[in-house]
Amino acid sequence: MGNFLNNDLYTGRKGRVPSVDFYNRQYGKKRWKAPTVISLSIGQDALVVSPIQMANMCAAIANRGYYFTPHVVRKIGGKALTDSSYTVAKHTSIEEKHFKTIIKGMEKVYTSNHGTAKNARVKNIEICGKTGTAENPHGEDHSIFIAFAPKRKPQIAIAVYVENGGWGSTWAAPIASLMIEQYLTGQVNNTERENFILSGNLIDTENEK
């Protein structure tokens, strides 16, 4: 986060993980304190990340501390890419032992009766996730969800961002669950959930006119 992923897309932004220098420029040196930045711990304040960065972070958690640079192109002219930039693991500075607690919490997002994604569970698939709601001063909040699955030997990490979708549990979480189920099993069994998503409409038709 806060850096370019150096993937194979020619566009992209590095986002922002605010530093001490950033806050000194914003407020003046020694004119800000812990309460100024406390909301960074829940992804607010001046933190800026893209969906692909969130998915990449989720992959690093799933792998217990490492990730591969994401890329879009698999083959060119039938020839597979062999660029080591996308096949060599990049390790984080966080010790592997610390991921156990994070993953346990992400699992409870689905399994706990108080979990924010309990209604998005998928039978026979252990999914670990985290709901998010990005506050929007110009209208409805944005629905966000990251997840990976299965919990053991993960095969997919995903980030879903639904503009003006409200809480993360309302739209982003069920969409992520459907995509994970389709990817891992090749089909969707919960057609009721699928139809709810497919028939949903978050567009203000009054503003469309």
Protein backbone atom coordinates (compact mmCIF):
# COMPACT_ATOMS: atom_id res chain seq x y z
CA MET A 1 0.00 0.00 0.00
CA GLY A 2 1.17 3.49 -0.76
CA ASN A 3 3.24 2.19 -3.68
CA PHE A 4 2.69 1.14 -7.28
CA LEU A 5 2.14 -2.61 -7.60
CA ASN A 6 4.17 -2.65 -10.83
CA ASN A 7 1.69 -4.95 -12.53
CA ASP A 8 1.09 -5.20 -16.27
CA LEU A 9 -1.51 -2.43 -16.44
CA TYR A 10 -0.23 0.83 -17.87
CA THR A 11 -2.37 2.89 -15.51
CA GLY A 12 -2.79 2.91 -11.77
CA ARG A 13 -2.21 4.95 -8.65
CA LYS A 14 -0.09 4.22 -5.66
CA GLY A 15 -2.64 5.47 -3.15
CA ARG A 16 -1.49 6.90 0.16
CA VAL A 17 -0.34 5.62 3.51
CA PRO A 18 0.16 8.92 5.35
CA SER A 19 3.53 9.48 6.98
CA VAL A 20 4.72 11.81 9.73
CA ASP A 21 5.83 14.25 7.03
CA PHE A 22 2.33 14.17 5.54
CA TYR A 23 0.71 15.20 8.83
CA ASN A 24 3.38 17.81 9.48
CA ARG A 25 2.51 19.40 6.15
CA GLN A 26 -1.22 19.19 6.90
CA TYR A 27 -1.23 20.49 10.46
CA GLY A 28 2.24 21.84 11.16
CA LYS A 29 5.08 20.19 13.04
CA LYS A 30 4.10 19.02 16.55
CA ARG A 31 0.57 20.38 16.06
CA TRP A 32 -1.08 16.98 15.71
CA LYS A 33 -1.35 14.07 18.14
CA ALA A 34 -2.61 10.48 18.42
CA PRO A 35 -6.33 11.43 18.22
CA THR A 36 -5.59 12.99 14.82
CA VAL A 37 -4.57 9.65 13.32
CA ILE A 38 -6.44 7.10 15.43
CA SER A 39 -9.02 6.48 12.70
CA LEU A 40 -6.26 5.16 10.42
CA SER A 41 -6.59 1.91 12.37
CA ILE A 42 -9.99 1.32 10.77
CA GLY A 43 -9.02 2.51 7.31
CA GLN A 44 -10.28 6.07 7.56
CA ASP A 45 -8.69 9.52 7.67
CA ALA A 46 -6.10 10.10 4.90
CA LEU A 47 -5.54 6.44 3.95
CA VAL A 48 -6.17 5.82 0.24
CA VAL A 49 -6.07 2.34 -1.34
CA SER A 50 -7.39 0.85 -4.56
CA PRO A 51 -9.47 -2.35 -4.87
CA ILE A 52 -6.51 -4.22 -6.40
CA GLN A 53 -4.34 -3.15 -3.46
CA MET A 54 -6.98 -4.44 -1.05
CA ALA A 55 -7.18 -7.76 -2.89
CA ASN A 56 -3.39 -7.98 -2.83
CA MET A 57 -3.33 -7.28 0.90
CA CYS A 58 -5.92 -10.02 1.38
CA ALA A 59 -3.72 -12.42 -0.60
CA ALA A 60 -0.78 -11.59 1.67
CA ILE A 61 -2.92 -12.43 4.70
CA ALA A 62 -4.15 -15.65 3.07
CA ASN A 63 -0.54 -16.68 2.38
CA ARG A 64 0.50 -15.80 5.91
CA GLY A 65 2.93 -13.09 4.88
CA TYR A 66 3.72 -13.14 1.19
CA TYR A 67 2.10 -12.30 -2.14
CA PHE A 68 2.75 -12.37 -5.87
CA THR A 69 2.49 -9.20 -7.93
CA PRO A 70 -0.96 -9.39 -9.54
CA HIS A 71 -1.15 -9.30 -13.32
CA VAL A 72 -3.81 -9.46 -16.02
CA VAL A 73 -2.07 -10.97 -19.06
CA ARG A 74 -1.42 -14.72 -18.92
CA LYS A 75 -0.40 -15.39 -22.50
CA ILE A 76 0.55 -13.35 -25.57
CA GLY A 77 0.09 -15.05 -28.93
CA GLY A 78 -0.39 -18.37 -27.16
CA LYS A 79 2.94 -18.04 -25.39
CA ALA A 80 2.83 -18.00 -21.60
CA LEU A 81 4.52 -15.13 -19.81
CA THR A 82 7.70 -16.11 -18.01
CA ASP A 83 8.43 -12.77 -16.36
CA SER A 84 9.73 -13.55 -12.87
CA SER A 85 8.15 -10.31 -11.63
CA TYR A 86 4.89 -12.25 -11.37
CA THR A 87 6.18 -15.61 -10.17
CA VAL A 88 8.54 -14.71 -7.33
CA ALA A 89 6.99 -14.32 -3.89
CA LYS A 90 7.28 -10.94 -2.17
CA HIS A 91 7.42 -11.18 1.61
CA THR A 92 5.98 -8.65 4.02
CA SER A 93 7.81 -7.44 7.12
CA ILE A 94 5.17 -9.01 9.40
CA GLU A 95 6.06 -12.26 11.16
CA GLU A 96 3.96 -15.27 10.14
CA LYS A 97 2.78 -15.92 13.70
CA HIS A 98 0.76 -12.70 13.74
CA PHE A 99 -1.45 -13.75 10.85
CA LYS A 100 -3.11 -16.50 12.91
CA THR A 101 -5.10 -13.98 14.95
CA ILE A 102 -6.09 -11.94 11.89
CA ILE A 103 -7.29 -15.01 10.00
CA LYS A 104 -9.26 -16.24 13.00
CA GLY A 105 -11.05 -12.90 13.15
CA MET A 106 -11.74 -12.92 9.40
CA GLU A 107 -13.17 -16.43 9.69
CA LYS A 108 -15.56 -15.30 12.44
CA VAL A 109 -16.89 -12.60 10.13
CA TYR A 110 -18.62 -15.56 8.44
CA THR A 111 -19.01 -18.15 11.19
CA SER A 112 -19.99 -16.10 14.24
CA ASN A 113 -23.64 -15.37 14.88
CA HIS A 114 -22.53 -11.77 15.29
CA GLY A 115 -20.40 -11.79 12.14
CA THR A 116 -21.18 -9.11 9.59
CA ALA A 117 -21.06 -11.65 6.73
CA LYS A 118 -22.94 -14.48 8.45
CA ASN A 119 -25.72 -14.25 5.86
CA ALA A 120 -23.20 -14.66 3.04
CA ARG A 121 -21.90 -18.06 4.16
CA VAL A 122 -21.27 -20.71 1.51
CA LYS A 123 -21.86 -24.34 2.41
CA ASN A 124 -18.71 -26.48 2.59
CA ILE A 125 -16.35 -23.57 1.86
CA GLU A 126 -14.33 -21.94 4.65
CA ILE A 127 -14.21 -18.26 3.71
CA CYS A 128 -12.36 -15.57 5.65
CA GLY A 129 -13.39 -11.99 5.03
CA LYS A 130 -13.88 -8.45 6.26
CA THR A 131 -16.73 -6.07 5.57
CA GLY A 132 -16.14 -2.37 5.10
CA THR A 133 -18.27 0.72 4.66
CA ALA A 134 -16.58 3.72 3.07
CA GLU A 135 -18.26 6.89 4.24
CA ASN A 136 -19.40 9.14 1.43
CA PRO A 137 -20.33 12.76 2.22
CA HIS A 138 -21.94 13.16 -1.21
CA GLY A 139 -24.53 10.39 -0.98
CA GLU A 140 -24.92 6.74 0.00
CA ASP A 141 -21.87 5.07 1.51
CA HIS A 142 -19.84 2.56 -0.52
CA SER A 143 -20.07 -1.19 0.16
CA ILE A 144 -16.69 -2.96 0.44
CA PHE A 145 -15.62 -6.50 1.17
CA ILE A 146 -12.37 -8.47 1.00
CA ALA A 147 -12.13 -12.24 1.34
CA PHE A 148 -10.05 -15.31 0.63
CA ALA A 149 -10.83 -19.01 0.48
CA PRO A 150 -10.45 -21.73 1.44
CA LYS A 151 -9.01 -20.92 4.86
CA ARG A 152 -6.49 -23.74 4.45
CA LYS A 153 -4.56 -23.80 1.18
CA PRO A 154 -6.26 -20.65 -0.20
CA GLN A 155 -6.84 -20.42 -3.93
CA ILE A 156 -8.55 -17.05 -4.34
CA ALA A 157 -8.35 -13.58 -2.77
CA ILE A 158 -10.86 -10.96 -3.78
CA ALA A 159 -11.95 -7.37 -3.17
CA VAL A 160 -15.43 -6.13 -4.05
CA TYR A 161 -16.33 -2.44 -4.18
CA VAL A 162 -19.93 -1.40 -4.81
CA GLU A 163 -20.34 2.33 -5.22
CA ASN A 164 -23.23 3.73 -3.17
CA GLY A 165 -24.01 0.21 -1.95
CA GLY A 166 -24.24 1.09 1.74
CA TRP A 167 -22.93 -1.41 4.28
CA GLY A 168 -20.33 -3.94 3.23
CA SER A 169 -22.62 -6.78 4.30
CA THR A 170 -25.48 -5.68 2.04
CA TRP A 171 -23.96 -5.97 -1.43
CA ALA A 172 -20.20 -6.50 -1.46
CA ALA A 173 -20.14 -9.53 0.87
CA PRO A 174 -22.77 -11.63 -0.97
CA ILE A 175 -21.20 -10.72 -4.33
CA ALA A 176 -17.80 -11.89 -3.07
CA SER A 177 -19.28 -15.13 -1.76
CA LEU A 178 -20.96 -15.85 -5.08
CA MET A 179 -17.76 -15.20 -7.01
CA ILE A 180 -15.72 -17.38 -4.66
CA GLU A 181 -18.23 -20.22 -4.90
CA GLN A 182 -18.30 -20.02 -8.70
CA TYR A 183 -14.50 -19.94 -8.89
CA LEU A 184 -13.90 -22.86 -6.52
CA THR A 185 -16.78 -25.15 -7.51
CA GLY A 186 -17.73 -24.04 -11.01
CA GLN A 187 -21.32 -23.33 -10.00
CA VAL A 188 -23.58 -21.37 -7.65
CA ASN A 189 -25.98 -23.35 -5.47
CA ASN A 190 -27.64 -20.44 -3.70
CA THR A 191 -29.77 -19.20 -6.58
CA GLU A 192 -31.85 -17.04 -4.24
CA ARG A 193 -28.77 -15.03 -3.32
CA GLU A 194 -27.66 -14.91 -6.94
CA ASN A 195 -31.05 -13.64 -8.12
CA PHE A 196 -31.09 -11.00 -5.39
CA ILE A 197 -27.78 -9.64 -6.64
CA LEU A 198 -28.65 -9.89 -10.33
CA SER A 199 -31.98 -8.12 -9.86
CA GLY A 200 -30.56 -5.40 -7.61
CA ASN A 201 -30.52 -1.79 -8.74
CA LEU A 202 -28.43 0.88 -7.05
CA ILE A 203 -28.85 3.47 -9.77
CA ASP A 204 -30.97 6.50 -9.00
CA THR A 205 -33.21 6.49 -12.06
CA GLU A 206 -34.37 10.01 -11.24
CA ASN A 207 -30.80 11.27 -11.68
CA GLU A 208 -30.38 9.24 -14.85
CA LYS A 209 -33.02 11.24 -16.71
